[in-house]
Amino acid sequence: FPSHDTSRGIAAIVQAVFGTYNFTSLPEFNAILKQFNILADRGKEESFTYQKNGLLYRVLDAQGEKKGIPIKASALPGNPGLKNLSARYEMNRKNREPLKQKLKQTIDTCITKSPADLMQLKSLLEQEKVKVVTRQNESGRLYGITFVDMENRSVFNGSEIGKSYSVSGILKQLNGSSKKQSRNHFIHDHPIEQN
């Protein structure tokens, strides 16, 4: 069985995230939980847990791998299982617009600082208490980006914010801002002679 301390630690974090963050899906909920090294896991599709619409909470190690013994959602205060999470998604959907606008503003501000690449943008956003979670396939190709706003306690997939905040949109904006930057350097380094 999980140690009492592990159980209490998971319970405290899950309760805090469940009660204070705005999320509208299990992947969004997990994007937040992963910031605290926890995962809400349905298990494999053929597993008993998945078949019975169960949910297990697990601790993640530094590499993001599951470790230790999972804890059933029903064993945690407030039973943060799929049914209660679904009710929370509905409630959260009503309050998303102002949170989305704040996050959009933060991302825009960081992009105007002309970060050279996604890593630099992540670093700028982190200074603003926004974590960037990217998803990539086996061949390493990026296909998804999620922004976890720790300050305003919300999480959004990039495409939900707008087309230009999806992975391809962000990369396009970064390329655009670095081209502008290099064009400016060119103009400043080689002043045009006045005749």
N, C-alpha and C. Protein backbone atom coordinates (compact mmCIF):
# COMPACT_ATOMS: atom_id res chain seq x y z
N PHE A 1 0.84 -1.21 0.00
CA PHE A 1 0.00 0.00 0.00
C PHE A 1 0.87 1.25 0.00
N PRO A 2 0.37 2.34 -0.58
CA PRO A 2 1.16 3.58 -0.58
C PRO A 2 1.35 4.07 0.84
N SER A 3 2.49 4.69 1.08
CA SER A 3 2.73 5.20 2.43
C SER A 3 1.71 6.29 2.73
N HIS A 4 1.46 6.47 4.01
CA HIS A 4 0.49 7.47 4.46
C HIS A 4 0.89 8.87 3.98
N ASP A 5 2.21 9.15 4.01
CA ASP A 5 2.71 10.47 3.56
C ASP A 5 2.46 10.68 2.07
N THR A 6 2.72 9.64 1.26
CA THR A 6 2.48 9.74 -0.18
C THR A 6 1.01 10.01 -0.43
N SER A 7 0.17 9.25 0.24
CA SER A 7 -1.28 9.41 0.12
C SER A 7 -1.71 10.83 0.46
N ARG A 8 -1.21 11.33 1.57
CA ARG A 8 -1.57 12.68 2.02
C ARG A 8 -1.06 13.73 1.05
N GLY A 9 0.16 13.54 0.55
CA GLY A 9 0.76 14.48 -0.40
C GLY A 9 -0.05 14.55 -1.68
N ILE A 10 -0.39 13.38 -2.23
CA ILE A 10 -1.20 13.32 -3.46
C ILE A 10 -2.55 13.98 -3.20
N ALA A 11 -3.18 13.63 -2.08
CA ALA A 11 -4.51 14.18 -1.75
C ALA A 11 -4.47 15.71 -1.70
N ALA A 12 -3.46 16.27 -1.06
CA ALA A 12 -3.37 17.72 -0.90
C ALA A 12 -3.23 18.41 -2.26
N ILE A 13 -2.35 17.88 -3.11
CA ILE A 13 -2.12 18.50 -4.42
C ILE A 13 -3.35 18.36 -5.31
N VAL A 14 -3.92 17.15 -5.36
CA VAL A 14 -5.09 16.92 -6.21
C VAL A 14 -6.25 17.82 -5.78
N GLN A 15 -6.46 17.92 -4.46
CA GLN A 15 -7.54 18.78 -3.96
C GLN A 15 -7.32 20.23 -4.35
N ALA A 16 -6.09 20.72 -4.19
CA ALA A 16 -5.77 22.11 -4.52
C ALA A 16 -5.98 22.38 -6.01
N VAL A 17 -5.48 21.50 -6.87
CA VAL A 17 -5.63 21.68 -8.31
C VAL A 17 -7.09 21.59 -8.72
N PHE A 18 -7.77 20.56 -8.22
CA PHE A 18 -9.19 20.33 -8.54
C PHE A 18 -10.03 21.55 -8.14
N GLY A 19 -9.73 22.11 -6.98
CA GLY A 19 -10.54 23.20 -6.45
C GLY A 19 -10.21 24.59 -6.95
N THR A 20 -9.00 24.78 -7.49
CA THR A 20 -8.61 26.16 -7.81
C THR A 20 -8.21 26.41 -9.26
N TYR A 21 -7.93 25.37 -10.05
CA TYR A 21 -7.51 25.57 -11.44
C TYR A 21 -8.68 25.44 -12.39
N ASN A 22 -8.58 26.12 -13.54
CA ASN A 22 -9.59 26.03 -14.58
C ASN A 22 -9.05 25.08 -15.66
N PHE A 23 -9.69 23.90 -15.80
CA PHE A 23 -9.32 22.90 -16.79
C PHE A 23 -10.61 22.28 -17.31
N THR A 24 -10.59 21.77 -18.55
CA THR A 24 -11.84 21.25 -19.12
C THR A 24 -11.69 19.86 -19.73
N SER A 25 -10.60 19.16 -19.41
CA SER A 25 -10.42 17.79 -19.90
C SER A 25 -9.38 17.10 -19.03
N LEU A 26 -9.33 15.78 -19.13
CA LEU A 26 -8.33 15.02 -18.37
C LEU A 26 -6.90 15.37 -18.80
N PRO A 27 -6.62 15.50 -20.11
CA PRO A 27 -5.26 15.91 -20.49
C PRO A 27 -4.87 17.29 -19.91
N GLU A 28 -5.82 18.23 -19.86
CA GLU A 28 -5.53 19.55 -19.27
C GLU A 28 -5.28 19.42 -17.77
N PHE A 29 -6.11 18.62 -17.10
CA PHE A 29 -5.95 18.37 -15.66
C PHE A 29 -4.56 17.78 -15.41
N ASN A 30 -4.16 16.82 -16.27
CA ASN A 30 -2.85 16.20 -16.13
C ASN A 30 -1.70 17.16 -16.43
N ALA A 31 -1.91 18.09 -17.35
CA ALA A 31 -0.85 19.08 -17.65
C ALA A 31 -0.52 19.87 -16.38
N ILE A 32 -1.55 20.14 -15.57
CA ILE A 32 -1.31 20.85 -14.30
C ILE A 32 -0.68 19.91 -13.29
N LEU A 33 -1.28 18.73 -13.10
CA LEU A 33 -0.78 17.78 -12.11
C LEU A 33 0.70 17.43 -12.34
N LYS A 34 1.09 17.33 -13.62
CA LYS A 34 2.48 16.96 -13.93
C LYS A 34 3.47 18.01 -13.42
N GLN A 35 3.01 19.24 -13.25
CA GLN A 35 3.89 20.28 -12.69
C GLN A 35 4.24 19.95 -11.23
N PHE A 36 3.43 19.08 -10.62
CA PHE A 36 3.63 18.66 -9.23
C PHE A 36 4.02 17.17 -9.17
N ASN A 37 4.46 16.61 -10.31
CA ASN A 37 4.87 15.20 -10.41
C ASN A 37 3.79 14.21 -10.02
N ILE A 38 2.57 14.48 -10.48
CA ILE A 38 1.45 13.57 -10.24
C ILE A 38 0.73 13.35 -11.56
N LEU A 39 0.13 12.18 -11.72
CA LEU A 39 -0.62 11.84 -12.92
C LEU A 39 -1.95 11.20 -12.54
N ALA A 40 -3.02 11.64 -13.18
CA ALA A 40 -4.32 10.98 -13.06
C ALA A 40 -4.37 10.00 -14.22
N ASP A 41 -4.37 8.70 -13.91
CA ASP A 41 -4.16 7.65 -14.91
C ASP A 41 -5.38 6.76 -15.05
N ARG A 42 -5.91 6.65 -16.26
CA ARG A 42 -7.04 5.75 -16.52
C ARG A 42 -6.57 4.32 -16.73
N GLY A 43 -5.28 4.14 -16.97
CA GLY A 43 -4.75 2.82 -17.27
C GLY A 43 -4.91 2.50 -18.75
N LYS A 44 -4.45 1.33 -19.13
CA LYS A 44 -4.58 0.90 -20.54
C LYS A 44 -6.03 0.56 -20.82
N GLU A 45 -6.44 0.69 -22.10
CA GLU A 45 -7.84 0.46 -22.47
C GLU A 45 -8.35 -0.92 -22.08
N GLU A 46 -7.46 -1.90 -22.05
CA GLU A 46 -7.90 -3.26 -21.70
C GLU A 46 -7.90 -3.50 -20.18
N SER A 47 -7.41 -2.52 -19.42
CA SER A 47 -7.31 -2.72 -17.97
C SER A 47 -8.68 -2.62 -17.28
N PHE A 48 -8.76 -3.22 -16.12
CA PHE A 48 -9.98 -3.22 -15.31
C PHE A 48 -10.36 -1.78 -14.95
N THR A 49 -9.36 -0.99 -14.55
CA THR A 49 -9.60 0.41 -14.16
C THR A 49 -10.27 1.17 -15.30
N TYR A 50 -9.72 1.05 -16.50
CA TYR A 50 -10.26 1.77 -17.66
C TYR A 50 -11.68 1.29 -17.97
N GLN A 51 -11.86 -0.04 -17.98
CA GLN A 51 -13.18 -0.64 -18.30
C GLN A 51 -14.26 -0.15 -17.34
N LYS A 52 -13.88 0.05 -16.07
CA LYS A 52 -14.86 0.44 -15.04
C LYS A 52 -14.91 1.96 -14.84
N ASN A 53 -14.33 2.72 -15.79
CA ASN A 53 -14.26 4.19 -15.69
C ASN A 53 -13.60 4.64 -14.39
N GLY A 54 -12.59 3.90 -14.00
CA GLY A 54 -11.85 4.25 -12.78
C GLY A 54 -10.72 5.22 -13.09
N LEU A 55 -10.14 5.74 -12.04
CA LEU A 55 -9.03 6.68 -12.19
C LEU A 55 -8.06 6.44 -11.03
N LEU A 56 -6.78 6.34 -11.37
CA LEU A 56 -5.75 6.14 -10.36
C LEU A 56 -4.84 7.37 -10.35
N TYR A 57 -4.40 7.75 -9.18
CA TYR A 57 -3.45 8.85 -9.06
C TYR A 57 -2.09 8.26 -8.74
N ARG A 58 -1.08 8.72 -9.49
CA ARG A 58 0.27 8.16 -9.35
C ARG A 58 1.29 9.28 -9.18
N VAL A 59 2.38 8.94 -8.51
CA VAL A 59 3.52 9.85 -8.37
C VAL A 59 4.43 9.61 -9.57
N LEU A 60 5.01 10.69 -10.11
CA LEU A 60 5.96 10.59 -11.22
C LEU A 60 7.36 10.92 -10.72
N ASP A 61 8.37 10.23 -11.27
CA ASP A 61 9.74 10.56 -10.91
C ASP A 61 10.23 11.74 -11.76
N ALA A 62 11.48 12.12 -11.60
CA ALA A 62 12.03 13.29 -12.29
C ALA A 62 11.96 13.13 -13.82
N GLN A 63 11.96 11.90 -14.32
CA GLN A 63 11.88 11.66 -15.76
C GLN A 63 10.44 11.57 -16.26
N GLY A 64 9.47 11.74 -15.34
CA GLY A 64 8.07 11.66 -15.73
C GLY A 64 7.54 10.23 -15.79
N GLU A 65 8.31 9.28 -15.24
CA GLU A 65 7.88 7.87 -15.22
C GLU A 65 7.07 7.61 -13.95
N LYS A 66 6.06 6.72 -14.07
CA LYS A 66 5.23 6.38 -12.92
C LYS A 66 6.07 5.60 -11.91
N LYS A 67 5.88 5.90 -10.62
CA LYS A 67 6.60 5.15 -9.59
C LYS A 67 5.68 4.90 -8.41
N GLY A 68 6.00 3.90 -7.65
CA GLY A 68 5.22 3.61 -6.45
C GLY A 68 3.86 3.02 -6.77
N ILE A 69 3.06 2.89 -5.73
CA ILE A 69 1.73 2.27 -5.84
C ILE A 69 0.69 3.34 -6.07
N PRO A 70 -0.18 3.14 -7.08
CA PRO A 70 -1.22 4.14 -7.35
C PRO A 70 -2.29 4.19 -6.26
N ILE A 71 -3.00 5.31 -6.20
CA ILE A 71 -4.09 5.48 -5.24
C ILE A 71 -5.37 5.69 -6.03
N LYS A 72 -6.42 4.96 -5.67
CA LYS A 72 -7.71 5.11 -6.35
C LYS A 72 -8.29 6.48 -6.05
N ALA A 73 -8.94 7.07 -7.06
CA ALA A 73 -9.60 8.37 -6.89
C ALA A 73 -10.61 8.30 -5.74
N SER A 74 -11.32 7.18 -5.63
CA SER A 74 -12.35 7.04 -4.60
C SER A 74 -11.76 7.05 -3.18
N ALA A 75 -10.45 6.81 -3.07
CA ALA A 75 -9.81 6.82 -1.75
C ALA A 75 -9.36 8.22 -1.34
N LEU A 76 -9.49 9.18 -2.25
CA LEU A 76 -9.06 10.55 -1.97
C LEU A 76 -10.25 11.41 -1.56
N PRO A 77 -10.00 12.44 -0.74
CA PRO A 77 -11.09 13.34 -0.34
C PRO A 77 -11.77 13.97 -1.55
N GLY A 78 -13.09 14.02 -1.54
CA GLY A 78 -13.84 14.63 -2.64
C GLY A 78 -13.98 13.72 -3.86
N ASN A 79 -13.42 12.52 -3.78
CA ASN A 79 -13.45 11.54 -4.87
C ASN A 79 -13.24 12.19 -6.24
N PRO A 80 -12.00 12.63 -6.56
CA PRO A 80 -11.73 13.26 -7.86
C PRO A 80 -11.64 12.24 -8.99
N GLY A 81 -12.70 11.46 -9.16
CA GLY A 81 -12.77 10.48 -10.24
C GLY A 81 -13.34 11.11 -11.49
N LEU A 82 -13.54 10.30 -12.52
CA LEU A 82 -14.01 10.82 -13.82
C LEU A 82 -15.35 11.55 -13.72
N LYS A 83 -16.26 11.01 -12.92
CA LYS A 83 -17.60 11.62 -12.81
C LYS A 83 -17.49 13.04 -12.22
N ASN A 84 -16.77 13.18 -11.12
CA ASN A 84 -16.63 14.50 -10.50
C ASN A 84 -15.77 15.44 -11.35
N LEU A 85 -14.78 14.88 -12.06
CA LEU A 85 -13.99 15.71 -12.96
C LEU A 85 -14.87 16.27 -14.09
N SER A 86 -15.74 15.42 -14.64
CA SER A 86 -16.64 15.87 -15.72
C SER A 86 -17.51 17.04 -15.27
N ALA A 87 -18.02 16.95 -14.05
CA ALA A 87 -18.85 18.03 -13.52
C ALA A 87 -18.02 19.31 -13.42
N ARG A 88 -16.76 19.14 -13.03
CA ARG A 88 -15.85 20.29 -12.90
C ARG A 88 -15.55 20.91 -14.27
N TYR A 89 -15.37 20.06 -15.31
CA TYR A 89 -15.11 20.59 -16.66
C TYR A 89 -16.24 21.52 -17.07
N GLU A 90 -17.47 21.09 -16.84
CA GLU A 90 -18.64 21.88 -17.22
C GLU A 90 -18.64 23.23 -16.52
N MET A 91 -18.39 23.19 -15.22
CA MET A 91 -18.36 24.42 -14.42
C MET A 91 -17.26 25.37 -14.93
N ASN A 92 -16.09 24.80 -15.20
CA ASN A 92 -14.94 25.60 -15.63
C ASN A 92 -15.14 26.24 -17.00
N ARG A 93 -15.89 25.58 -17.89
CA ARG A 93 -16.10 26.11 -19.25
C ARG A 93 -16.73 27.49 -19.21
N LYS A 94 -17.55 27.75 -18.19
CA LYS A 94 -18.27 29.02 -18.10
C LYS A 94 -17.36 30.20 -17.75
N ASN A 95 -16.21 29.91 -17.16
CA ASN A 95 -15.34 31.00 -16.65
C ASN A 95 -14.03 31.14 -17.41
N ARG A 96 -13.95 30.62 -18.63
CA ARG A 96 -12.65 30.54 -19.31
C ARG A 96 -12.21 31.80 -20.05
N GLU A 97 -13.14 32.55 -20.60
CA GLU A 97 -12.77 33.64 -21.50
C GLU A 97 -11.78 34.65 -20.89
N PRO A 98 -12.07 35.21 -19.68
CA PRO A 98 -11.11 36.18 -19.13
C PRO A 98 -9.72 35.56 -18.87
N LEU A 99 -9.69 34.28 -18.49
CA LEU A 99 -8.42 33.60 -18.24
C LEU A 99 -7.66 33.41 -19.55
N LYS A 100 -8.40 33.10 -20.61
CA LYS A 100 -7.78 32.92 -21.93
C LYS A 100 -7.16 34.24 -22.40
N GLN A 101 -7.87 35.36 -22.20
CA GLN A 101 -7.37 36.66 -22.63
C GLN A 101 -6.09 37.04 -21.87
N LYS A 102 -6.06 36.76 -20.56
CA LYS A 102 -4.85 37.06 -19.77
C LYS A 102 -3.66 36.26 -20.28
N LEU A 103 -3.89 34.98 -20.54
CA LEU A 103 -2.81 34.11 -21.01
C LEU A 103 -2.33 34.56 -22.40
N LYS A 104 -3.26 34.89 -23.26
CA LYS A 104 -2.94 35.34 -24.62
C LYS A 104 -2.05 36.58 -24.55
N GLN A 105 -2.41 37.50 -23.66
CA GLN A 105 -1.63 38.73 -23.47
C GLN A 105 -0.20 38.41 -23.02
N THR A 106 -0.07 37.47 -22.08
CA THR A 106 1.24 37.08 -21.56
C THR A 106 2.09 36.48 -22.68
N ILE A 107 1.49 35.59 -23.47
CA ILE A 107 2.23 34.95 -24.57
C ILE A 107 2.65 36.01 -25.59
N ASP A 108 1.72 36.90 -25.95
CA ASP A 108 2.03 37.97 -26.92
C ASP A 108 3.19 38.83 -26.43
N THR A 109 3.16 39.20 -25.17
CA THR A 109 4.22 40.03 -24.59
C THR A 109 5.57 39.32 -24.72
N CYS A 110 5.59 38.02 -24.43
CA CYS A 110 6.85 37.27 -24.53
C CYS A 110 7.32 37.14 -25.97
N ILE A 111 6.39 36.98 -26.91
CA ILE A 111 6.76 36.86 -28.32
C ILE A 111 7.32 38.19 -28.84
N THR A 112 6.84 39.32 -28.33
CA THR A 112 7.38 40.62 -28.79
C THR A 112 8.83 40.80 -28.36
N LYS A 113 9.30 39.98 -27.42
CA LYS A 113 10.71 40.05 -27.00
C LYS A 113 11.60 39.28 -27.97
N SER A 114 11.03 38.81 -29.09
CA SER A 114 11.75 38.10 -30.15
C SER A 114 12.61 36.94 -29.68
N PRO A 115 12.00 35.95 -28.99
CA PRO A 115 12.80 34.78 -28.61
C PRO A 115 13.30 34.05 -29.86
N ALA A 116 14.51 33.51 -29.79
CA ALA A 116 15.13 32.88 -30.96
C ALA A 116 14.46 31.56 -31.31
N ASP A 117 13.93 30.85 -30.31
CA ASP A 117 13.32 29.55 -30.57
C ASP A 117 12.33 29.21 -29.46
N LEU A 118 11.75 28.03 -29.55
CA LEU A 118 10.75 27.60 -28.58
C LEU A 118 11.32 27.50 -27.17
N MET A 119 12.56 27.05 -27.05
CA MET A 119 13.19 26.95 -25.73
C MET A 119 13.28 28.32 -25.06
N GLN A 120 13.65 29.32 -25.83
CA GLN A 120 13.76 30.67 -25.29
C GLN A 120 12.38 31.22 -24.92
N LEU A 121 11.38 30.92 -25.74
CA LEU A 121 10.01 31.34 -25.43
C LEU A 121 9.55 30.68 -24.13
N LYS A 122 9.83 29.37 -23.99
CA LYS A 122 9.47 28.64 -22.76
C LYS A 122 10.09 29.33 -21.54
N SER A 123 11.34 29.70 -21.68
CA SER A 123 12.06 30.35 -20.59
C SER A 123 11.45 31.71 -20.24
N LEU A 124 11.10 32.50 -21.26
CA LEU A 124 10.46 33.81 -21.02
C LEU A 124 9.11 33.61 -20.34
N LEU A 125 8.34 32.62 -20.80
CA LEU A 125 7.02 32.36 -20.22
C LEU A 125 7.14 31.87 -18.79
N GLU A 126 8.17 31.07 -18.53
CA GLU A 126 8.38 30.56 -17.17
C GLU A 126 8.60 31.72 -16.19
N GLN A 127 9.28 32.77 -16.64
CA GLN A 127 9.48 33.95 -15.79
C GLN A 127 8.14 34.61 -15.46
N GLU A 128 7.14 34.39 -16.33
CA GLU A 128 5.79 34.94 -16.11
C GLU A 128 4.88 33.90 -15.45
N LYS A 129 5.48 32.83 -14.94
CA LYS A 129 4.76 31.74 -14.25
C LYS A 129 3.81 30.98 -15.19
N VAL A 130 4.23 30.83 -16.46
CA VAL A 130 3.47 30.01 -17.41
C VAL A 130 4.38 28.86 -17.84
N LYS A 131 3.91 27.64 -17.62
CA LYS A 131 4.66 26.45 -18.02
C LYS A 131 4.17 26.02 -19.40
N VAL A 132 5.10 25.60 -20.24
CA VAL A 132 4.75 25.15 -21.58
C VAL A 132 4.97 23.64 -21.65
N VAL A 133 3.91 22.92 -22.01
CA VAL A 133 3.99 21.47 -22.15
C VAL A 133 3.81 21.15 -23.63
N THR A 134 4.84 20.54 -24.23
CA THR A 134 4.73 20.19 -25.65
C THR A 134 4.53 18.68 -25.78
N ARG A 135 3.85 18.29 -26.86
CA ARG A 135 3.65 16.87 -27.14
C ARG A 135 4.31 16.57 -28.48
N GLN A 136 5.02 15.44 -28.53
CA GLN A 136 5.64 15.05 -29.79
C GLN A 136 5.46 13.57 -30.03
N ASN A 137 5.49 13.20 -31.32
CA ASN A 137 5.33 11.78 -31.66
C ASN A 137 6.67 11.06 -31.53
N GLU A 138 6.67 9.75 -31.83
CA GLU A 138 7.89 8.93 -31.67
C GLU A 138 9.07 9.47 -32.46
N SER A 139 8.79 10.05 -33.63
CA SER A 139 9.90 10.56 -34.46
C SER A 139 10.35 11.95 -34.02
N GLY A 140 9.79 12.45 -32.91
CA GLY A 140 10.25 13.72 -32.36
C GLY A 140 9.56 14.95 -32.93
N ARG A 141 8.55 14.74 -33.79
CA ARG A 141 7.83 15.88 -34.40
C ARG A 141 6.82 16.45 -33.40
N LEU A 142 6.89 17.76 -33.18
CA LEU A 142 5.94 18.42 -32.28
C LEU A 142 4.56 18.42 -32.90
N TYR A 143 3.55 18.06 -32.10
CA TYR A 143 2.18 18.12 -32.64
C TYR A 143 1.21 18.81 -31.68
N GLY A 144 1.65 19.16 -30.49
CA GLY A 144 0.73 19.83 -29.58
C GLY A 144 1.47 20.70 -28.57
N ILE A 145 0.77 21.74 -28.13
CA ILE A 145 1.36 22.63 -27.12
C ILE A 145 0.24 23.04 -26.16
N THR A 146 0.57 23.00 -24.87
CA THR A 146 -0.37 23.38 -23.83
C THR A 146 0.31 24.39 -22.93
N PHE A 147 -0.44 25.40 -22.52
CA PHE A 147 0.09 26.43 -21.64
C PHE A 147 -0.58 26.32 -20.28
N VAL A 148 0.23 26.15 -19.23
CA VAL A 148 -0.30 26.07 -17.87
C VAL A 148 0.05 27.38 -17.17
N ASP A 149 -0.97 28.20 -16.93
CA ASP A 149 -0.79 29.51 -16.29
C ASP A 149 -0.89 29.31 -14.78
N MET A 150 0.27 29.22 -14.13
CA MET A 150 0.32 28.96 -12.69
C MET A 150 -0.17 30.17 -11.89
N GLU A 151 0.01 31.36 -12.46
CA GLU A 151 -0.40 32.60 -11.80
C GLU A 151 -1.92 32.72 -11.74
N ASN A 152 -2.57 32.54 -12.90
CA ASN A 152 -4.03 32.68 -12.98
C ASN A 152 -4.77 31.35 -12.88
N ARG A 153 -4.00 30.29 -12.63
CA ARG A 153 -4.55 28.95 -12.39
C ARG A 153 -5.48 28.47 -13.49
N SER A 154 -4.92 28.39 -14.69
CA SER A 154 -5.70 27.88 -15.81
C SER A 154 -4.78 27.13 -16.77
N VAL A 155 -5.39 26.35 -17.64
CA VAL A 155 -4.62 25.61 -18.64
C VAL A 155 -5.39 25.64 -19.95
N PHE A 156 -4.64 25.88 -21.05
CA PHE A 156 -5.25 25.95 -22.38
C PHE A 156 -4.35 25.26 -23.39
N ASN A 157 -4.96 24.52 -24.29
CA ASN A 157 -4.22 24.04 -25.46
C ASN A 157 -4.03 25.26 -26.34
N GLY A 158 -2.89 25.33 -27.02
CA GLY A 158 -2.59 26.48 -27.86
C GLY A 158 -3.69 26.78 -28.86
N SER A 159 -4.19 25.75 -29.53
CA SER A 159 -5.21 25.97 -30.56
C SER A 159 -6.51 26.53 -29.99
N GLU A 160 -6.76 26.29 -28.70
CA GLU A 160 -7.97 26.84 -28.07
C GLU A 160 -7.85 28.36 -27.91
N ILE A 161 -6.62 28.84 -27.73
CA ILE A 161 -6.39 30.29 -27.60
C ILE A 161 -6.57 30.95 -28.96
N GLY A 162 -6.13 30.27 -30.00
CA GLY A 162 -6.25 30.79 -31.36
C GLY A 162 -5.30 30.05 -32.28
N LYS A 163 -5.56 30.12 -33.57
CA LYS A 163 -4.77 29.38 -34.56
C LYS A 163 -3.27 29.70 -34.45
N SER A 164 -2.96 30.96 -34.19
CA SER A 164 -1.54 31.34 -34.14
C SER A 164 -0.86 30.94 -32.81
N TYR A 165 -1.60 30.22 -31.94
CA TYR A 165 -1.02 29.76 -30.67
C TYR A 165 -0.88 28.23 -30.65
N SER A 166 -1.25 27.59 -31.80
CA SER A 166 -1.01 26.16 -31.94
C SER A 166 0.50 26.00 -32.12
N VAL A 167 1.00 24.75 -32.14
CA VAL A 167 2.45 24.55 -32.32
C VAL A 167 2.93 25.22 -33.60
N SER A 168 2.25 24.95 -34.72
CA SER A 168 2.72 25.52 -36.00
C SER A 168 2.60 27.04 -35.98
N GLY A 169 1.53 27.55 -35.37
CA GLY A 169 1.33 29.00 -35.27
C GLY A 169 2.43 29.68 -34.46
N ILE A 170 2.77 29.07 -33.32
CA ILE A 170 3.83 29.62 -32.46
C ILE A 170 5.17 29.60 -33.20
N LEU A 171 5.47 28.46 -33.85
CA LEU A 171 6.75 28.37 -34.58
C LEU A 171 6.81 29.40 -35.70
N LYS A 172 5.69 29.61 -36.37
CA LYS A 172 5.62 30.63 -37.44
C LYS A 172 5.89 32.02 -36.85
N GLN A 173 5.25 32.30 -35.70
CA GLN A 173 5.45 33.61 -35.06
C GLN A 173 6.91 33.79 -34.65
N LEU A 174 7.53 32.72 -34.13
CA LEU A 174 8.93 32.80 -33.71
C LEU A 174 9.83 33.04 -34.92
N ASN A 175 9.58 32.33 -36.00
CA ASN A 175 10.37 32.54 -37.22
C ASN A 175 10.19 33.95 -37.74
N GLY A 176 8.96 34.45 -37.69
CA GLY A 176 8.68 35.81 -38.13
C GLY A 176 9.42 36.83 -37.29
N SER A 177 9.43 36.62 -35.96
CA SER A 177 10.08 37.61 -35.10
C SER A 177 11.60 37.53 -35.22
N SER A 178 12.17 36.32 -35.48
CA SER A 178 13.63 36.27 -35.62
C SER A 178 14.06 36.82 -36.98
N LYS A 179 13.20 36.69 -38.01
CA LYS A 179 13.52 37.30 -39.31
C LYS A 179 13.52 38.81 -39.18
N LYS A 180 12.50 39.34 -38.46
CA LYS A 180 12.42 40.79 -38.25
C LYS A 180 13.68 41.25 -37.54
N GLN A 181 14.08 40.48 -36.53
CA GLN A 181 15.25 40.83 -35.74
C GLN A 181 16.51 40.87 -36.63
N SER A 182 16.67 39.83 -37.46
CA SER A 182 17.87 39.80 -38.29
C SER A 182 17.83 40.90 -39.35
N ARG A 183 16.62 41.22 -39.87
CA ARG A 183 16.50 42.33 -40.82
C ARG A 183 16.92 43.64 -40.15
N ASN A 184 16.48 43.83 -38.91
CA ASN A 184 16.84 45.05 -38.18
C ASN A 184 18.36 45.13 -37.99
N HIS A 185 18.96 43.98 -37.64
CA HIS A 185 20.42 43.98 -37.47
C HIS A 185 21.09 44.37 -38.78
N PHE A 186 20.57 43.85 -39.87
CA PHE A 186 21.15 44.14 -41.17
C PHE A 186 21.08 45.64 -41.45
N ILE A 187 19.95 46.22 -41.18
CA ILE A 187 19.77 47.66 -41.44
C ILE A 187 20.72 48.47 -40.56
N HIS A 188 20.82 48.06 -39.27
CA HIS A 188 21.68 48.82 -38.35
C HIS A 188 23.16 48.61 -38.64
N ASP A 189 23.51 47.38 -39.06
CA ASP A 189 24.93 47.08 -39.31
C ASP A 189 25.42 47.71 -40.61
N HIS A 190 24.49 47.90 -41.53
CA HIS A 190 24.89 48.44 -42.83
C HIS A 190 24.03 49.66 -43.11
N PRO A 191 24.38 50.79 -42.54
CA PRO A 191 23.53 51.96 -42.77
C PRO A 191 23.46 52.30 -44.25
N ILE A 192 22.28 52.73 -44.64
CA ILE A 192 22.08 53.11 -46.04
C ILE A 192 22.69 54.50 -46.23
N GLU A 193 23.54 54.63 -47.23
CA GLU A 193 24.19 55.91 -47.43
C GLU A 193 23.24 56.90 -48.07
N GLN A 194 23.25 58.10 -47.56
CA GLN A 194 22.40 59.15 -48.12
C GLN A 194 23.20 59.89 -49.19
N ASN A 195 22.65 60.08 -50.37
CA ASN A 195 23.36 60.80 -51.43
C ASN A 195 22.87 62.23 -51.51
